[in-house]
Amino acid sequence: MSFAVFTDGSANLPGSVLGNIRLLPSTYTVDGEPRTYLGDIGNFDPHAYYESLRRGVQVKTSLLNTAVFLSHFEPCMKEGTDVIYIAMSSGISGTYSAARTAAEQLMEEYPERFIHIVDSHGCGFGSGMLAIRADELSAQGMSAKEAASVLDEMVPHCCQYFTVDDLNFLKRTGRVSGAAAMLATTLNIKPILYGDHTGHIVSCAKKHGRKKAIQGLADFYDKKRMDLKDPKIYISHGDCLEDAEMLRDLILGISPDADILICPHEPFSGAHVGPGMLGLFFLGKER
């Protein structure tokens, strides 16, 4: 490995694809009870988690602070290893800023070393696919500086579209107004949202009913996809596996050779989008 690759639990990476990626511990509370999330290598039970959200349990998430980054990056500096960290979008979290602060401090102390913080402008597999690519580049022997340029150029092509089953979770975080959430619930309107080029979550379509929303996700894939051999597609879900499998089948109807990974959605952004969230992540021509 030519450089160390870090990300955190918000990248949604299961143990099967971690490779040499180093996961930073992420914390959250469920009804005041502190928990640490390290992907599926920890004690996270996605069904129990999303069931608790359905029951109205209060979940609070915390950004990673500068001290966490310093404690994990500095050992790499001391051993002579450069670092790339894939961060959740700066448009939805302060984690990116905290990582930048740590990187700047450490590069002053270790001027011969290089640390790069990638603003994924995404979350879940939106940042996870970048971490996977970073790990591949490190394994190939590419330098951290070269890989940083490759990854930054990849960010605008990391497409992430998702739908939610209950807009009230987005209402609580100010993503939609209470009136809009009530109207959508009454009319059975299911939004399709995406991470835009600034890393903010915005609406791009509204569908009447869940099945049409799932078809809408596949339609966006068909519109935005690159002409790639064996494209890698990532699907995450908030405890709605059958819907994820339906989406997978629609994608395979478009790209029969696609390599598709389905995984429960991580708890951090999961707390804001709620049970029934269904996300689609892939490399596209543009966001």
Protein backbone atom coordinates (compact mmCIF):
# COMPACT_ATOMS: atom_id res chain seq x y z
CA MET A 1 0.00 0.00 0.00
CA SER A 2 1.51 3.31 -1.06
CA PHE A 3 -0.65 5.46 1.24
CA ALA A 4 -3.23 4.98 3.99
CA VAL A 5 -6.92 5.34 3.13
CA PHE A 6 -9.31 6.49 5.83
CA THR A 7 -13.05 7.02 5.91
CA ASP A 8 -15.73 6.56 8.56
CA GLY A 9 -19.02 4.79 9.15
CA SER A 10 -21.00 7.24 7.03
CA ALA A 11 -19.36 5.68 3.94
CA ASN A 12 -21.58 2.62 4.48
CA LEU A 13 -18.86 0.09 3.62
CA PRO A 14 -19.51 -3.52 4.66
CA GLY A 15 -16.57 -5.66 5.75
CA SER A 16 -16.66 -7.54 2.44
CA VAL A 17 -15.34 -4.50 0.52
CA LEU A 18 -13.18 -2.77 3.14
CA GLY A 19 -9.86 -4.11 1.90
CA ASN A 20 -7.20 -1.97 3.58
CA ILE A 21 -9.53 0.98 4.19
CA ARG A 22 -9.32 2.19 7.79
CA LEU A 23 -12.67 3.09 9.35
CA LEU A 24 -12.71 5.83 11.96
CA PRO A 25 -15.08 5.21 14.88
CA SER A 26 -18.32 7.18 14.58
CA THR A 27 -20.66 7.81 17.48
CA TYR A 28 -24.37 8.44 17.88
CA THR A 29 -27.01 8.09 20.58
CA VAL A 30 -30.30 6.22 20.63
CA ASP A 31 -32.60 7.74 23.26
CA GLY A 32 -29.50 9.09 24.96
CA GLU A 33 -27.61 5.78 24.92
CA PRO A 34 -24.18 6.24 23.27
CA ARG A 35 -23.18 3.86 20.49
CA THR A 36 -20.17 3.46 18.22
CA TYR A 37 -20.55 2.41 14.62
CA LEU A 38 -17.85 0.61 12.63
CA GLY A 39 -19.90 -0.81 9.80
CA ASP A 40 -21.10 -4.39 9.91
CA ILE A 41 -17.93 -5.43 11.73
CA GLY A 42 -19.50 -3.84 14.84
CA ASN A 43 -22.74 -4.56 16.67
CA PHE A 44 -25.09 -2.59 14.38
CA ASP A 45 -28.44 -4.35 13.84
CA PRO A 46 -30.07 -2.49 10.90
CA HIS A 47 -33.53 -4.01 11.36
CA ALA A 48 -33.63 -3.17 15.07
CA TYR A 49 -32.30 0.31 14.36
CA TYR A 50 -34.89 1.21 11.74
CA GLU A 51 -37.64 -0.38 13.82
CA SER A 52 -36.66 1.94 16.65
CA LEU A 53 -37.00 4.91 14.29
CA ARG A 54 -40.45 3.70 13.30
CA ARG A 55 -41.39 3.70 16.98
CA GLY A 56 -40.25 7.31 17.37
CA VAL A 57 -36.97 6.70 19.20
CA GLN A 58 -34.77 9.81 19.13
CA VAL A 59 -31.40 9.40 17.43
CA LYS A 60 -28.69 12.06 17.53
CA THR A 61 -25.56 11.85 15.40
CA SER A 62 -22.19 13.49 16.02
CA LEU A 63 -19.59 14.71 13.58
CA LEU A 64 -16.03 13.52 13.93
CA ASN A 65 -13.95 16.20 15.64
CA THR A 66 -10.40 17.33 14.95
CA ALA A 67 -8.99 15.34 17.88
CA VAL A 68 -10.21 12.06 16.32
CA PHE A 69 -8.39 12.82 13.07
CA LEU A 70 -5.21 13.87 14.84
CA SER A 71 -5.10 10.66 16.87
CA HIS A 72 -5.53 8.46 13.79
CA PHE A 73 -3.52 10.39 11.19
CA GLU A 74 -0.43 11.20 13.28
CA PRO A 75 0.77 7.58 13.66
CA CYS A 76 0.85 7.41 9.86
CA MET A 77 2.90 10.60 9.74
CA LYS A 78 5.39 9.20 12.24
CA GLU A 79 5.86 5.99 10.25
CA GLY A 80 6.31 7.90 6.99
CA THR A 81 2.95 7.12 5.39
CA ASP A 82 0.84 9.66 3.51
CA VAL A 83 -2.93 9.79 4.09
CA ILE A 84 -6.11 10.25 2.09
CA TYR A 85 -9.38 10.64 3.97
CA ILE A 86 -12.76 10.41 2.22
CA ALA A 87 -15.16 12.73 4.02
CA MET A 88 -18.92 13.03 4.10
CA SER A 89 -20.14 16.02 2.11
CA SER A 90 -19.21 19.42 3.48
CA GLY A 91 -22.72 20.45 2.44
CA ILE A 92 -24.35 18.34 5.17
CA SER A 93 -21.69 17.93 7.86
CA GLY A 94 -18.83 19.74 9.57
CA THR A 95 -16.69 16.58 9.52
CA TYR A 96 -14.87 17.67 6.36
CA SER A 97 -13.85 20.96 7.97
CA ALA A 98 -12.61 19.19 11.11
CA ALA A 99 -10.52 16.81 9.00
CA ARG A 100 -9.03 19.71 7.03
CA THR A 101 -8.02 21.43 10.28
CA ALA A 102 -6.26 18.28 11.47
CA ALA A 103 -4.54 17.80 8.11
CA GLU A 104 -3.22 21.36 8.03
CA GLN A 105 -1.89 21.06 11.57
CA LEU A 106 -0.14 17.76 10.91
CA MET A 107 1.42 18.86 7.62
CA GLU A 108 2.97 21.81 9.45
CA GLU A 109 4.47 19.39 11.95
CA TYR A 110 5.46 16.83 9.29
CA PRO A 111 6.21 18.92 6.17
CA GLU A 112 7.62 15.92 4.30
CA ARG A 113 4.26 14.12 4.50
CA PHE A 114 1.06 14.63 2.51
CA ILE A 115 -2.56 14.46 3.71
CA HIS A 116 -5.50 15.05 1.40
CA ILE A 117 -9.13 15.35 2.48
CA VAL A 118 -11.59 14.46 -0.28
CA ASP A 119 -14.92 16.28 -0.05
CA SER A 120 -17.11 13.52 -1.49
CA HIS A 121 -20.10 15.86 -1.82
CA GLY A 122 -21.97 12.73 -0.79
CA CYS A 123 -22.80 10.31 1.96
CA GLY A 124 -23.29 6.57 2.27
CA PHE A 125 -21.92 4.86 -0.82
CA GLY A 126 -21.61 8.33 -2.32
CA SER A 127 -18.38 8.58 -0.33
CA GLY A 128 -17.89 4.83 0.02
CA MET A 129 -17.27 4.30 -3.70
CA LEU A 130 -14.51 6.92 -3.53
CA ALA A 131 -12.89 5.12 -0.60
CA ILE A 132 -12.98 1.85 -2.54
CA ARG A 133 -11.28 3.53 -5.50
CA ALA A 134 -8.68 5.13 -3.24
CA ASP A 135 -7.86 1.71 -1.81
CA GLU A 136 -7.42 0.34 -5.34
CA LEU A 137 -5.08 3.19 -6.30
CA SER A 138 -3.00 2.67 -3.17
CA ALA A 139 -2.72 -1.05 -3.91
CA GLN A 140 -1.54 -0.19 -7.43
CA GLY A 141 1.31 1.87 -5.98
CA MET A 142 0.06 5.31 -7.03
CA SER A 143 1.31 8.15 -4.87
CA ALA A 144 -1.09 9.96 -2.56
CA LYS A 145 -0.72 13.20 -4.51
CA GLU A 146 -1.54 11.50 -7.81
CA ALA A 147 -4.45 9.63 -6.25
CA ALA A 148 -5.81 12.83 -4.73
CA SER A 149 -6.16 14.34 -8.21
CA VAL A 150 -7.86 11.20 -9.55
CA LEU A 151 -10.34 11.13 -6.67
CA ASP A 152 -11.17 14.84 -6.84
CA GLU A 153 -11.87 14.46 -10.57
CA MET A 154 -14.09 11.47 -9.81
CA VAL A 155 -16.32 13.36 -7.34
CA PRO A 156 -18.54 15.10 -9.96
CA HIS A 157 -19.30 11.68 -11.47
CA CYS A 158 -20.42 10.01 -8.23
CA CYS A 159 -24.17 9.90 -8.74
CA GLN A 160 -26.42 9.32 -5.74
CA TYR A 161 -30.18 9.24 -6.02
CA PHE A 162 -32.57 8.16 -3.31
CA THR A 163 -36.18 8.13 -2.27
CA VAL A 164 -37.75 8.09 1.17
CA ASP A 165 -40.92 6.54 2.48
CA ASP A 166 -41.71 9.15 5.13
CA LEU A 167 -40.91 12.83 4.60
CA ASN A 168 -41.35 13.58 8.28
CA PHE A 169 -37.76 12.46 8.94
CA LEU A 170 -36.49 15.05 6.46
CA LYS A 171 -38.89 17.59 7.97
CA ARG A 172 -37.21 17.19 11.37
CA THR A 173 -33.85 18.18 9.89
CA GLY A 174 -35.26 21.11 7.94
CA ARG A 175 -34.89 19.51 4.49
CA VAL A 176 -38.60 20.00 3.75
CA SER A 177 -41.30 22.13 5.38
CA GLY A 178 -43.98 20.66 7.61
CA ALA A 179 -46.65 21.66 5.11
CA ALA A 180 -44.81 19.94 2.24
CA ALA A 181 -44.37 16.78 4.28
CA MET A 182 -48.05 16.71 5.24
CA LEU A 183 -49.20 17.30 1.66
CA ALA A 184 -46.87 14.63 0.27
CA THR A 185 -48.08 12.11 2.85
CA THR A 186 -51.72 12.87 2.07
CA LEU A 187 -51.22 12.56 -1.71
CA ASN A 188 -48.80 9.58 -1.48
CA ILE A 189 -46.06 11.59 -3.19
CA LYS A 190 -42.61 10.06 -3.00
CA PRO A 191 -39.72 12.41 -3.77
CA ILE A 192 -36.52 11.47 -5.54
CA LEU A 193 -33.57 13.38 -4.13
CA TYR A 194 -29.90 13.58 -5.02
CA GLY A 195 -26.62 15.04 -3.87
CA ASP A 196 -25.91 18.02 -6.12
CA HIS A 197 -22.53 19.43 -7.22
CA THR A 198 -22.24 21.44 -3.99
CA GLY A 199 -22.92 18.44 -1.79
CA HIS A 200 -26.39 19.54 -0.73
CA ILE A 201 -29.45 17.30 -0.87
CA VAL A 202 -32.09 18.58 -3.28
CA SER A 203 -35.26 17.20 -4.87
CA CYS A 204 -35.15 16.28 -8.55
CA ALA A 205 -38.49 14.49 -9.07
CA LYS A 206 -41.78 13.60 -7.39
CA LYS A 207 -43.56 10.33 -8.02
CA HIS A 208 -47.02 9.12 -7.05
CA GLY A 209 -46.46 5.93 -5.10
CA ARG A 210 -43.52 3.82 -4.05
CA LYS A 211 -43.23 1.63 -7.17
CA LYS A 212 -43.06 4.66 -9.44
CA ALA A 213 -40.37 6.16 -7.23
CA ILE A 214 -38.31 2.97 -7.49
CA GLN A 215 -38.76 3.00 -11.26
CA GLY A 216 -37.72 6.66 -11.20
CA LEU A 217 -34.40 5.74 -9.57
CA ALA A 218 -33.74 3.23 -12.35
CA ASP A 219 -34.67 5.85 -14.95
CA PHE A 220 -32.09 8.26 -13.53
CA TYR A 221 -29.50 5.50 -13.75
CA ASP A 222 -30.38 4.89 -17.39
CA LYS A 223 -30.11 8.61 -18.13
CA LYS A 224 -26.86 9.33 -16.27
CA ARG A 225 -24.89 6.08 -16.56
CA MET A 226 -21.56 5.79 -18.28
CA ASP A 227 -20.97 3.15 -20.93
CA LEU A 228 -18.77 0.99 -18.70
CA LYS A 229 -17.94 -2.70 -18.82
CA ASP A 230 -19.26 -4.46 -15.69
CA PRO A 231 -20.31 -1.22 -13.96
CA LYS A 232 -20.26 -1.22 -10.17
CA ILE A 233 -23.60 -0.24 -8.66
CA TYR A 234 -24.36 0.24 -4.96
CA ILE A 235 -27.82 0.09 -3.40
CA SER A 236 -28.53 0.88 0.25
CA HIS A 237 -31.83 0.58 2.05
CA GLY A 238 -33.44 1.51 5.34
CA ASP A 239 -34.80 -1.94 6.21
CA CYS A 240 -36.64 -2.47 2.88
CA LEU A 241 -34.74 -5.30 1.25
CA GLU A 242 -37.54 -6.28 -1.12
CA ASP A 243 -37.57 -2.79 -2.61
CA ALA A 244 -33.78 -2.89 -2.95
CA GLU A 245 -34.05 -6.18 -4.81
CA MET A 246 -36.74 -4.71 -7.08
CA LEU A 247 -34.40 -1.82 -7.89
CA ARG A 248 -31.55 -4.25 -8.52
CA ASP A 249 -33.67 -6.16 -11.04
CA LEU A 250 -34.58 -2.93 -12.84
CA ILE A 251 -30.91 -1.97 -13.05
CA LEU A 252 -29.99 -5.41 -14.40
CA GLY A 253 -32.62 -4.91 -17.08
CA ILE A 254 -30.61 -1.86 -18.21
CA SER A 255 -27.08 -3.15 -17.54
CA PRO A 256 -27.15 -6.98 -17.43
CA ASP A 257 -23.44 -7.18 -16.58
CA ALA A 258 -23.63 -4.75 -13.65
CA ASP A 259 -21.90 -5.74 -10.42
CA ILE A 260 -24.46 -4.74 -7.78
CA LEU A 261 -23.91 -4.59 -4.02
CA ILE A 262 -26.95 -4.28 -1.74
CA CYS A 263 -26.35 -3.19 1.84
CA PRO A 264 -28.41 -1.79 4.76
CA HIS A 265 -28.03 1.98 5.04
CA GLU A 266 -25.76 3.32 7.75
CA PRO A 267 -27.26 4.93 10.87
CA PHE A 268 -25.97 8.51 10.50
CA SER A 269 -27.79 9.79 7.45
CA GLY A 270 -30.27 6.96 8.10
CA ALA A 271 -31.52 8.90 11.11
CA HIS A 272 -32.40 11.81 8.82
CA VAL A 273 -33.97 9.89 5.92
CA GLY A 274 -35.68 7.21 7.99
CA PRO A 275 -36.86 3.65 7.43
CA GLY A 276 -37.80 2.95 3.83
CA MET A 277 -34.94 5.01 2.44
CA LEU A 278 -33.75 3.47 -0.83
CA GLY A 279 -30.55 4.78 -2.42
CA LEU A 280 -28.79 4.16 -5.71
CA PHE A 281 -25.10 5.03 -6.21
CA PHE A 282 -23.04 4.75 -9.38
CA LEU A 283 -20.50 6.49 -11.61
CA GLY A 284 -22.29 8.65 -14.17
CA LYS A 285 -21.62 11.22 -16.86
CA GLU A 286 -22.59 13.93 -14.41
CA ARG A 287 -24.54 14.32 -11.19
